[in-house]
């Protein structure tokens, strides 16, 4: 089914757009733009890992 995969891509794009610098095309080189994408995803993953989860029995 196409819809669940489309939702994953749209969610990914939303996470990237939350980083203000990636909302516009400010970067001149693709390497710096790629670094910003890596930085944005690193922030997202550290926030997810830092969330407190209840202990499972």
N, C-alpha and C. Protein backbone atom coordinates (compact mmCIF):
# COMPACT_ATOMS: atom_id res chain seq x y z
N UNK A 1 0.84 -1.19 0.00
CA UNK A 1 0.00 0.00 0.00
C UNK A 1 0.88 1.25 0.00
N UNK A 2 0.51 2.25 -0.73
CA UNK A 2 1.33 3.44 -0.92
C UNK A 2 1.19 4.43 0.24
N UNK A 3 0.03 4.56 0.82
CA UNK A 3 -0.21 5.60 1.81
C UNK A 3 0.70 5.54 3.04
N UNK A 4 0.92 4.39 3.67
CA UNK A 4 1.81 4.41 4.84
C UNK A 4 3.22 4.88 4.51
N UNK A 5 3.76 4.48 3.37
CA UNK A 5 5.10 4.92 3.00
C UNK A 5 5.12 6.42 2.70
N UNK A 6 4.08 6.93 2.11
CA UNK A 6 4.00 8.36 1.84
C UNK A 6 3.97 9.14 3.15
N UNK A 7 3.26 8.61 4.15
CA UNK A 7 3.17 9.26 5.44
C UNK A 7 4.55 9.33 6.09
N UNK A 8 5.36 8.29 5.95
CA UNK A 8 6.71 8.27 6.52
C UNK A 8 7.56 9.36 5.88
N UNK A 9 7.47 9.50 4.57
CA UNK A 9 8.25 10.52 3.86
C UNK A 9 7.79 11.92 4.27
N UNK A 10 6.50 12.13 4.39
CA UNK A 10 5.98 13.44 4.78
C UNK A 10 6.39 13.77 6.21
N UNK A 11 6.41 12.80 7.10
CA UNK A 11 6.84 13.02 8.48
C UNK A 11 8.32 13.39 8.51
N UNK A 12 9.13 12.72 7.70
CA UNK A 12 10.56 13.02 7.61
C UNK A 12 10.77 14.45 7.13
N UNK A 13 10.04 14.85 6.10
CA UNK A 13 10.16 16.22 5.59
C UNK A 13 9.73 17.24 6.64
N UNK A 14 8.71 16.92 7.42
CA UNK A 14 8.26 17.82 8.48
C UNK A 14 9.33 17.99 9.55
N UNK A 15 10.02 16.91 9.89
CA UNK A 15 11.11 17.00 10.87
C UNK A 15 12.23 17.89 10.34
N UNK A 16 12.54 17.77 9.07
CA UNK A 16 13.59 18.61 8.49
C UNK A 16 13.17 20.08 8.47
N UNK A 17 11.92 20.36 8.15
CA UNK A 17 11.46 21.74 8.06
C UNK A 17 11.37 22.40 9.44
N UNK A 18 11.32 21.59 10.49
CA UNK A 18 11.30 22.15 11.83
C UNK A 18 12.62 22.83 12.15
N UNK A 19 13.69 22.40 11.50
CA UNK A 19 14.98 23.07 11.63
C UNK A 19 14.94 24.28 10.71
N UNK A 20 14.95 25.47 11.27
CA UNK A 20 14.71 26.68 10.49
C UNK A 20 15.68 26.87 9.34
N UNK A 21 16.92 26.49 9.54
CA UNK A 21 17.91 26.72 8.49
C UNK A 21 17.61 25.88 7.26
N UNK A 22 16.92 24.75 7.44
CA UNK A 22 16.59 23.91 6.30
C UNK A 22 15.28 24.32 5.62
N UNK A 23 14.57 25.28 6.20
CA UNK A 23 13.30 25.71 5.61
C UNK A 23 13.52 26.49 4.32
N UNK A 24 14.68 27.10 4.19
CA UNK A 24 15.04 27.83 2.97
C UNK A 24 16.35 27.27 2.44
N UNK A 25 16.64 27.56 1.20
CA UNK A 25 17.86 27.06 0.59
C UNK A 25 18.97 28.09 0.76
N UNK A 26 19.55 28.14 1.97
CA UNK A 26 20.61 29.10 2.26
C UNK A 26 21.98 28.59 1.87
N UNK A 27 22.16 27.30 1.81
CA UNK A 27 23.48 26.71 1.62
C UNK A 27 23.93 26.82 0.16
N UNK A 28 25.18 27.17 -0.03
CA UNK A 28 25.73 27.26 -1.38
C UNK A 28 26.26 25.91 -1.86
N UNK A 29 26.83 25.16 -0.93
CA UNK A 29 27.41 23.86 -1.29
C UNK A 29 26.52 22.73 -0.81
N UNK A 30 26.49 21.66 -1.55
CA UNK A 30 25.68 20.51 -1.15
C UNK A 30 26.23 19.84 0.10
N UNK A 31 27.54 19.94 0.32
CA UNK A 31 28.13 19.33 1.51
C UNK A 31 27.62 20.00 2.78
N UNK A 32 27.48 21.32 2.77
CA UNK A 32 26.98 22.00 3.97
C UNK A 32 25.49 21.72 4.17
N UNK A 33 24.74 21.62 3.08
CA UNK A 33 23.32 21.28 3.20
C UNK A 33 23.16 19.86 3.74
N UNK A 34 24.00 18.95 3.28
CA UNK A 34 23.96 17.57 3.78
C UNK A 34 24.32 17.52 5.26
N UNK A 35 25.29 18.33 5.67
CA UNK A 35 25.67 18.39 7.08
C UNK A 35 24.51 18.89 7.94
N UNK A 36 23.75 19.84 7.43
CA UNK A 36 22.60 20.35 8.18
C UNK A 36 21.51 19.30 8.32
N UNK A 37 21.32 18.48 7.30
CA UNK A 37 20.35 17.39 7.39
C UNK A 37 20.80 16.39 8.45
N UNK A 38 22.09 16.07 8.47
CA UNK A 38 22.62 15.16 9.50
C UNK A 38 22.44 15.76 10.89
N UNK A 39 22.70 17.03 11.03
CA UNK A 39 22.55 17.70 12.31
C UNK A 39 21.09 17.67 12.77
N UNK A 40 20.18 17.93 11.85
CA UNK A 40 18.76 17.92 12.19
C UNK A 40 18.30 16.54 12.64
N UNK A 41 18.74 15.50 11.95
CA UNK A 41 18.36 14.14 12.33
C UNK A 41 19.03 13.71 13.64
N UNK A 42 20.24 14.22 13.90
CA UNK A 42 20.89 13.93 15.17
C UNK A 42 20.11 14.55 16.32
N UNK A 43 19.66 15.78 16.15
CA UNK A 43 18.83 16.42 17.18
C UNK A 43 17.55 15.64 17.42
N UNK A 44 16.92 15.20 16.35
CA UNK A 44 15.68 14.44 16.48
C UNK A 44 15.90 13.14 17.25
N UNK A 45 16.96 12.41 16.90
CA UNK A 45 17.21 11.13 17.55
C UNK A 45 17.62 11.31 19.01
N UNK A 46 18.39 12.35 19.33
CA UNK A 46 18.75 12.56 20.73
C UNK A 46 17.54 12.93 21.56
N UNK A 47 16.62 13.69 21.00
CA UNK A 47 15.38 14.01 21.72
C UNK A 47 14.56 12.75 21.98
N UNK A 48 14.50 11.88 20.98
CA UNK A 48 13.75 10.63 21.15
C UNK A 48 14.39 9.73 22.19
N UNK A 49 15.71 9.66 22.18
CA UNK A 49 16.41 8.82 23.15
C UNK A 49 16.36 9.38 24.56
N UNK A 50 16.28 10.70 24.68
CA UNK A 50 16.28 11.35 26.00
C UNK A 50 14.91 11.31 26.66
N UNK A 51 13.87 11.01 25.91
CA UNK A 51 12.53 10.94 26.51
C UNK A 51 12.50 9.88 27.59
N UNK A 52 11.83 10.17 28.66
CA UNK A 52 11.74 9.17 29.73
C UNK A 52 10.67 8.15 29.38
N UNK A 53 11.03 6.91 29.54
CA UNK A 53 10.10 5.81 29.27
C UNK A 53 9.83 5.08 30.57
N UNK A 54 8.59 4.68 30.80
CA UNK A 54 8.31 3.92 32.03
C UNK A 54 9.02 2.57 31.99
N UNK A 55 9.44 2.11 33.15
CA UNK A 55 10.13 0.82 33.25
C UNK A 55 9.16 -0.30 32.98
N UNK A 56 9.61 -1.25 32.19
CA UNK A 56 8.77 -2.42 31.90
C UNK A 56 9.10 -3.52 32.88
N UNK A 57 8.09 -4.25 33.28
CA UNK A 57 8.30 -5.33 34.26
C UNK A 57 8.75 -6.61 33.58
